[in-house]
Structures are given as structure tokens and as C-alpha cells.
């Protein structure tokens, strides 16, 4: 019969190894997501897509509209579809909508003039 202290030492070593692996995976995820942000050109594609789609902000823009547009800008900055957006923009005023864009609904409402912020 083996002493119990041997099993405890083995379990502690396994637990430490598991924690080390989990911390390493978390660090890798942070590194990869950070690289995506750093590699970005910093270009705001929302304004380009709005121009291509013929959408413009209402004038004057009230406080609610400014908050709504700021939210759309944040969505654009964090968007994972930037390579698709770049291809769509390079195609030169494509007729099809930008369905991959998380702001497509917002842009379409601006284009149609049916977005009321008040």
C-alpha cells in the first residue's frame, strides 16, 4: 500500500501544470487579439461604406443621434470583418449590400432617411 502523501504531491503537480497551460492559452489569446488591433491601419471604414452606400448623417445631429453614431463607430473599430470590408470597398461601388457588416442596418436606415434619433 502506497502512502497517501505521494498521491497528494502528484495531484498538486497536475493542478499546477493545468493552471500553467490555462494561463498560457489566455496569454496567447490576448496576444493574438492585440496583434489584430495593432496590425489595423486605423482607417475608419464606416465613413467609406456610408459614402459608397449614399448614406449621410442628418444635419443637425442631436445628442441621441451622436450617441447612436458613436456606437456604430465603436462597432466598426472592433469589427472582425475588416478584410471583407476592404475587399468590398476595393470592388468599387458594388451593387450588392454589405451584409457582412454589423452596421449595415444602421447605414441602410441613414441612406433611406428613415432614422429618427429623437
N, C-alpha and C. Protein backbone atom coordinates (compact mmCIF):
# COMPACT_ATOMS: atom_id res chain seq x y z
N UNK A 1 0.83 -1.17 0.00
CA UNK A 1 0.00 0.00 0.00
C UNK A 1 0.89 1.25 0.00
N UNK A 2 0.62 2.18 -0.91
CA UNK A 2 1.41 3.40 -1.03
C UNK A 2 0.93 4.45 -0.02
N UNK A 3 1.85 5.27 0.43
CA UNK A 3 1.45 6.34 1.33
C UNK A 3 0.62 7.39 0.59
N UNK A 4 -0.32 8.01 1.30
CA UNK A 4 -1.21 9.00 0.69
C UNK A 4 -0.47 10.27 0.26
N UNK A 5 0.59 10.62 0.91
CA UNK A 5 1.29 11.86 0.59
C UNK A 5 1.85 11.85 -0.82
N UNK A 6 2.15 10.67 -1.36
CA UNK A 6 2.64 10.58 -2.74
C UNK A 6 1.57 11.02 -3.74
N UNK A 7 0.34 10.61 -3.50
CA UNK A 7 -0.75 10.99 -4.40
C UNK A 7 -1.05 12.48 -4.33
N UNK A 8 -0.94 13.04 -3.14
CA UNK A 8 -1.16 14.47 -2.97
C UNK A 8 -0.13 15.27 -3.76
N UNK A 9 1.10 14.87 -3.71
CA UNK A 9 2.16 15.54 -4.46
C UNK A 9 1.93 15.45 -5.96
N UNK A 10 1.47 14.31 -6.42
CA UNK A 10 1.18 14.10 -7.84
C UNK A 10 0.00 14.96 -8.27
N UNK A 11 -1.03 15.05 -7.45
CA UNK A 11 -2.20 15.85 -7.77
C UNK A 11 -1.84 17.34 -7.80
N UNK A 12 -0.99 17.76 -6.87
CA UNK A 12 -0.56 19.16 -6.87
C UNK A 12 0.22 19.49 -8.14
N UNK A 13 1.08 18.60 -8.56
CA UNK A 13 1.86 18.81 -9.78
C UNK A 13 0.94 18.88 -11.00
N UNK A 14 -0.08 18.02 -11.06
CA UNK A 14 -1.03 18.05 -12.17
C UNK A 14 -1.85 19.34 -12.17
N UNK A 15 -2.26 19.78 -11.00
CA UNK A 15 -3.02 21.01 -10.88
C UNK A 15 -2.18 22.21 -11.32
N UNK A 16 -0.94 22.25 -10.92
CA UNK A 16 -0.04 23.35 -11.32
C UNK A 16 0.18 23.32 -12.83
N UNK A 17 0.35 22.14 -13.39
CA UNK A 17 0.53 22.02 -14.84
C UNK A 17 -0.71 22.49 -15.59
N UNK A 18 -1.89 22.13 -15.09
CA UNK A 18 -3.14 22.54 -15.73
C UNK A 18 -3.31 24.05 -15.67
N UNK A 19 -3.02 24.64 -14.53
CA UNK A 19 -3.11 26.09 -14.38
C UNK A 19 -2.13 26.79 -15.31
N UNK A 20 -0.93 26.25 -15.44
CA UNK A 20 0.08 26.83 -16.32
C UNK A 20 -0.38 26.80 -17.78
N UNK A 21 -0.98 25.70 -18.19
CA UNK A 21 -1.49 25.58 -19.56
C UNK A 21 -2.61 26.59 -19.80
N UNK A 22 -3.53 26.71 -18.84
CA UNK A 22 -4.64 27.64 -19.00
C UNK A 22 -4.16 29.10 -19.06
N UNK A 23 -3.20 29.46 -18.23
CA UNK A 23 -2.66 30.81 -18.26
C UNK A 23 -1.94 31.06 -19.58
N UNK A 24 -1.23 30.07 -20.08
CA UNK A 24 -0.53 30.22 -21.36
C UNK A 24 -1.52 30.42 -22.51
N UNK A 25 -2.62 29.67 -22.50
CA UNK A 25 -3.63 29.83 -23.54
C UNK A 25 -4.29 31.20 -23.47
N UNK A 26 -4.56 31.68 -22.27
CA UNK A 26 -5.15 33.02 -22.11
C UNK A 26 -4.19 34.09 -22.61
N UNK A 27 -2.91 33.95 -22.30
CA UNK A 27 -1.92 34.92 -22.76
C UNK A 27 -1.82 34.91 -24.28
N UNK A 28 -1.88 33.73 -24.88
CA UNK A 28 -1.83 33.62 -26.34
C UNK A 28 -3.05 34.30 -26.97
N UNK A 29 -4.23 34.10 -26.38
CA UNK A 29 -5.44 34.73 -26.91
C UNK A 29 -5.35 36.25 -26.85
N UNK A 30 -4.82 36.78 -25.75
CA UNK A 30 -4.65 38.23 -25.63
C UNK A 30 -3.65 38.74 -26.65
N UNK A 31 -2.57 38.01 -26.85
CA UNK A 31 -1.54 38.40 -27.81
C UNK A 31 -2.11 38.44 -29.23
N UNK A 32 -2.86 37.40 -29.60
CA UNK A 32 -3.41 37.32 -30.96
C UNK A 32 -4.42 38.43 -31.18
N UNK A 33 -5.31 38.68 -30.22
CA UNK A 33 -6.30 39.74 -30.41
C UNK A 33 -5.63 41.11 -30.42
N UNK A 34 -4.58 41.29 -29.65
CA UNK A 34 -3.84 42.54 -29.66
C UNK A 34 -3.13 42.78 -30.98
N UNK A 35 -2.62 41.73 -31.59
CA UNK A 35 -1.96 41.87 -32.89
C UNK A 35 -2.93 42.33 -33.94
N UNK A 36 -4.19 41.83 -33.87
CA UNK A 36 -5.18 42.23 -34.85
C UNK A 36 -5.44 43.73 -34.76
N UNK A 37 -5.49 44.25 -33.53
CA UNK A 37 -5.73 45.68 -33.35
C UNK A 37 -4.52 46.49 -33.81
N UNK A 38 -3.32 46.04 -33.48
CA UNK A 38 -2.10 46.76 -33.84
C UNK A 38 -1.89 46.74 -35.35
N UNK A 39 -2.20 45.62 -36.01
CA UNK A 39 -2.00 45.49 -37.44
C UNK A 39 -2.96 46.34 -38.25
N UNK A 40 -4.07 46.73 -37.64
CA UNK A 40 -5.07 47.52 -38.35
C UNK A 40 -4.48 48.86 -38.74
N UNK A 41 -4.92 49.38 -39.87
CA UNK A 41 -4.39 50.64 -40.37
C UNK A 41 -4.92 51.85 -39.61
N UNK A 42 -5.95 51.64 -38.82
CA UNK A 42 -6.55 52.75 -38.08
C UNK A 42 -7.57 53.51 -38.91
N UNK A 43 -7.80 53.05 -40.11
CA UNK A 43 -8.76 53.69 -41.01
C UNK A 43 -10.18 53.32 -40.59
N UNK A 44 -11.04 54.30 -40.46
CA UNK A 44 -12.43 54.04 -40.11
C UNK A 44 -13.21 53.75 -41.39
N UNK A 45 -13.60 52.51 -41.56
CA UNK A 45 -14.28 52.10 -42.77
C UNK A 45 -15.75 52.52 -42.80
N UNK A 46 -16.31 52.83 -41.65
CA UNK A 46 -17.72 53.21 -41.58
C UNK A 46 -18.02 54.40 -42.49
N UNK A 47 -17.19 55.41 -42.46
CA UNK A 47 -17.45 56.60 -43.29
C UNK A 47 -17.33 56.26 -44.78
N UNK A 48 -16.39 55.39 -45.12
CA UNK A 48 -16.25 54.99 -46.53
C UNK A 48 -17.46 54.20 -47.00
N UNK A 49 -17.93 53.28 -46.17
CA UNK A 49 -19.10 52.48 -46.53
C UNK A 49 -20.32 53.38 -46.63
N UNK A 50 -20.45 54.33 -45.71
CA UNK A 50 -21.58 55.26 -45.77
C UNK A 50 -21.55 56.05 -47.08
N UNK A 51 -20.37 56.50 -47.50
CA UNK A 51 -20.26 57.24 -48.76
C UNK A 51 -20.62 56.35 -49.94
N UNK A 52 -20.12 55.12 -49.96
CA UNK A 52 -20.41 54.20 -51.05
C UNK A 52 -21.90 53.89 -51.15
N UNK A 53 -22.55 53.78 -49.99
CA UNK A 53 -23.98 53.45 -49.98
C UNK A 53 -24.86 54.68 -50.12
N UNK A 54 -24.26 55.87 -50.14
CA UNK A 54 -25.05 57.09 -50.30
C UNK A 54 -25.77 57.51 -49.03
N UNK A 55 -25.21 57.15 -47.89
CA UNK A 55 -25.82 57.49 -46.60
C UNK A 55 -25.09 58.67 -45.99
N UNK A 56 -25.82 59.51 -45.30
CA UNK A 56 -25.20 60.63 -44.60
C UNK A 56 -25.93 60.86 -43.29
N UNK A 57 -25.23 61.48 -42.36
CA UNK A 57 -25.83 61.78 -41.07
C UNK A 57 -26.79 62.95 -41.21
N UNK A 58 -27.88 62.93 -40.45
CA UNK A 58 -28.80 64.07 -40.51
C UNK A 58 -28.12 65.33 -39.97
N UNK A 59 -28.54 66.47 -40.52
CA UNK A 59 -27.97 67.73 -40.08
C UNK A 59 -29.12 68.62 -39.61
N UNK A 60 -29.17 69.05 -38.40
CA UNK A 60 -28.18 68.87 -37.33
C UNK A 60 -28.33 67.51 -36.65
N UNK A 61 -27.27 67.06 -36.08
CA UNK A 61 -27.25 65.78 -35.36
C UNK A 61 -27.49 66.05 -33.88
N UNK A 62 -28.57 65.51 -33.35
CA UNK A 62 -28.87 65.75 -31.94
C UNK A 62 -28.06 64.81 -31.05
N UNK A 63 -28.23 64.94 -29.75
CA UNK A 63 -27.43 64.15 -28.81
C UNK A 63 -27.67 62.65 -28.96
N UNK A 64 -28.91 62.26 -29.13
CA UNK A 64 -29.22 60.84 -29.29
C UNK A 64 -28.58 60.29 -30.57
N UNK A 65 -28.64 61.08 -31.64
CA UNK A 65 -28.01 60.66 -32.89
C UNK A 65 -26.51 60.53 -32.77
N UNK A 66 -25.91 61.45 -32.04
CA UNK A 66 -24.46 61.39 -31.82
C UNK A 66 -24.08 60.15 -31.03
N UNK A 67 -24.87 59.81 -30.03
CA UNK A 67 -24.59 58.58 -29.25
C UNK A 67 -24.75 57.34 -30.12
N UNK A 68 -25.78 57.33 -30.96
CA UNK A 68 -26.03 56.19 -31.83
C UNK A 68 -24.89 56.03 -32.85
N UNK A 69 -24.43 57.16 -33.39
CA UNK A 69 -23.33 57.10 -34.35
C UNK A 69 -22.03 56.69 -33.66
N UNK A 70 -21.80 57.17 -32.45
CA UNK A 70 -20.61 56.77 -31.70
C UNK A 70 -20.61 55.27 -31.45
N UNK A 71 -21.78 54.71 -31.19
CA UNK A 71 -21.89 53.26 -31.00
C UNK A 71 -21.52 52.53 -32.31
N UNK A 72 -21.99 53.04 -33.43
CA UNK A 72 -21.66 52.44 -34.73
C UNK A 72 -20.16 52.52 -35.00
N UNK A 73 -19.53 53.63 -34.60
CA UNK A 73 -18.08 53.77 -34.78
C UNK A 73 -17.34 52.73 -33.94
N UNK A 74 -17.77 52.55 -32.69
CA UNK A 74 -17.12 51.53 -31.83
C UNK A 74 -17.28 50.14 -32.42
N UNK A 75 -18.44 49.85 -32.96
CA UNK A 75 -18.66 48.55 -33.60
C UNK A 75 -17.71 48.38 -34.78
N UNK A 76 -17.55 49.42 -35.57
CA UNK A 76 -16.67 49.37 -36.74
C UNK A 76 -15.21 49.16 -36.33
N UNK A 77 -14.78 49.85 -35.29
CA UNK A 77 -13.40 49.73 -34.83
C UNK A 77 -13.09 48.30 -34.39
N UNK A 78 -14.05 47.66 -33.71
CA UNK A 78 -13.83 46.31 -33.18
C UNK A 78 -14.26 45.20 -34.14
N UNK A 79 -14.67 45.54 -35.33
CA UNK A 79 -15.23 44.57 -36.27
C UNK A 79 -14.19 43.54 -36.73
N UNK A 80 -14.56 42.25 -36.69
CA UNK A 80 -13.64 41.22 -37.18
C UNK A 80 -13.68 41.05 -38.71
N UNK A 81 -14.61 41.74 -39.38
CA UNK A 81 -14.78 41.58 -40.82
C UNK A 81 -14.05 42.64 -41.64
N UNK A 82 -13.02 43.25 -41.10
CA UNK A 82 -12.31 44.31 -41.82
C UNK A 82 -11.71 43.84 -43.15
N UNK A 83 -11.14 42.63 -43.23
CA UNK A 83 -10.65 42.18 -44.54
C UNK A 83 -11.76 42.07 -45.58
N UNK A 84 -12.94 41.58 -45.18
CA UNK A 84 -14.08 41.51 -46.11
C UNK A 84 -14.51 42.91 -46.53
N UNK A 85 -14.51 43.82 -45.57
CA UNK A 85 -14.89 45.20 -45.85
C UNK A 85 -13.91 45.84 -46.85
N UNK A 86 -12.63 45.59 -46.65
CA UNK A 86 -11.63 46.13 -47.58
C UNK A 86 -11.84 45.60 -48.99
N UNK A 87 -12.13 44.31 -49.12
CA UNK A 87 -12.40 43.73 -50.44
C UNK A 87 -13.64 44.37 -51.06
N UNK A 88 -14.68 44.53 -50.25
CA UNK A 88 -15.93 45.11 -50.73
C UNK A 88 -15.70 46.54 -51.20
N UNK A 89 -14.92 47.30 -50.45
CA UNK A 89 -14.64 48.69 -50.83
C UNK A 89 -13.76 48.76 -52.08
N UNK A 90 -12.80 47.83 -52.21
CA UNK A 90 -11.92 47.80 -53.39
C UNK A 90 -12.68 47.46 -54.66
N UNK A 91 -13.79 46.74 -54.52
CA UNK A 91 -14.57 46.34 -55.69
C UNK A 91 -15.17 47.56 -56.41
N UNK A 92 -15.22 48.69 -55.73
CA UNK A 92 -15.67 49.92 -56.39
C UNK A 92 -17.17 50.04 -56.54
N UNK A 93 -17.80 50.53 -55.53
CA UNK A 93 -19.24 50.78 -55.53
C UNK A 93 -20.04 49.56 -55.99
N UNK A 94 -19.88 48.44 -55.30
CA UNK A 94 -20.65 47.25 -55.70
C UNK A 94 -22.13 47.45 -55.46
N UNK A 95 -22.93 46.81 -56.29
CA UNK A 95 -24.38 46.96 -56.20
C UNK A 95 -24.94 46.21 -54.99
N UNK A 96 -24.30 45.11 -54.63
CA UNK A 96 -24.83 44.33 -53.52
C UNK A 96 -24.56 45.02 -52.19
N UNK A 97 -25.40 44.73 -51.25
CA UNK A 97 -25.24 45.36 -49.94
C UNK A 97 -24.07 44.73 -49.19
N UNK A 98 -23.68 45.37 -48.14
CA UNK A 98 -22.58 44.86 -47.32
C UNK A 98 -23.18 44.07 -46.16
N UNK A 99 -23.74 42.90 -46.45
CA UNK A 99 -24.45 42.09 -45.45
C UNK A 99 -23.53 41.61 -44.33
N UNK A 100 -22.24 41.52 -44.58
CA UNK A 100 -21.29 41.07 -43.56
C UNK A 100 -21.06 42.14 -42.49
N UNK A 101 -21.47 43.36 -42.76
CA UNK A 101 -21.20 44.50 -41.88
C UNK A 101 -22.20 44.54 -40.73
N UNK A 102 -21.70 44.60 -39.48
CA UNK A 102 -22.62 44.70 -38.35
C UNK A 102 -23.36 46.03 -38.29
N UNK A 103 -22.90 47.03 -39.05
CA UNK A 103 -23.57 48.33 -39.10
C UNK A 103 -24.44 48.48 -40.35
N UNK A 104 -24.66 47.42 -41.11
CA UNK A 104 -25.40 47.52 -42.37
C UNK A 104 -26.81 48.07 -42.16
N UNK A 105 -27.48 47.63 -41.11
CA UNK A 105 -28.84 48.08 -40.83
C UNK A 105 -28.85 49.59 -40.55
N UNK A 106 -27.89 50.03 -39.74
CA UNK A 106 -27.75 51.45 -39.41
C UNK A 106 -27.49 52.28 -40.67
N UNK A 107 -26.57 51.82 -41.50
CA UNK A 107 -26.22 52.54 -42.73
C UNK A 107 -27.41 52.61 -43.68
N UNK A 108 -28.15 51.51 -43.79
CA UNK A 108 -29.31 51.48 -44.68
C UNK A 108 -30.38 52.45 -44.21
N UNK A 109 -30.61 52.52 -42.90
CA UNK A 109 -31.59 53.48 -42.38
C UNK A 109 -31.14 54.92 -42.65
N UNK A 110 -29.85 55.19 -42.50
CA UNK A 110 -29.35 56.53 -42.81
C UNK A 110 -29.55 56.84 -44.29
N UNK A 111 -29.29 55.85 -45.14
CA UNK A 111 -29.41 56.05 -46.59
C UNK A 111 -30.85 56.37 -46.97
N UNK A 112 -31.79 55.67 -46.35
CA UNK A 112 -33.20 55.89 -46.67
C UNK A 112 -33.79 57.10 -45.95
N UNK A 113 -33.02 57.66 -45.03
CA UNK A 113 -33.51 58.83 -44.30
C UNK A 113 -34.59 58.51 -43.29
N UNK A 114 -34.71 57.23 -42.93
CA UNK A 114 -35.78 56.82 -42.01
C UNK A 114 -35.32 56.65 -40.58
N UNK A 115 -34.19 57.19 -40.23
CA UNK A 115 -33.67 57.01 -38.87
C UNK A 115 -33.97 58.27 -38.08
N UNK A 116 -34.82 58.12 -37.08
CA UNK A 116 -35.16 59.25 -36.22
C UNK A 116 -34.48 59.03 -34.87
N UNK A 117 -33.68 59.95 -34.46
CA UNK A 117 -32.92 59.81 -33.23
C UNK A 117 -33.65 60.33 -32.00
N UNK A 118 -34.69 61.10 -32.17
CA UNK A 118 -35.37 61.71 -31.02
C UNK A 118 -36.36 60.80 -30.38
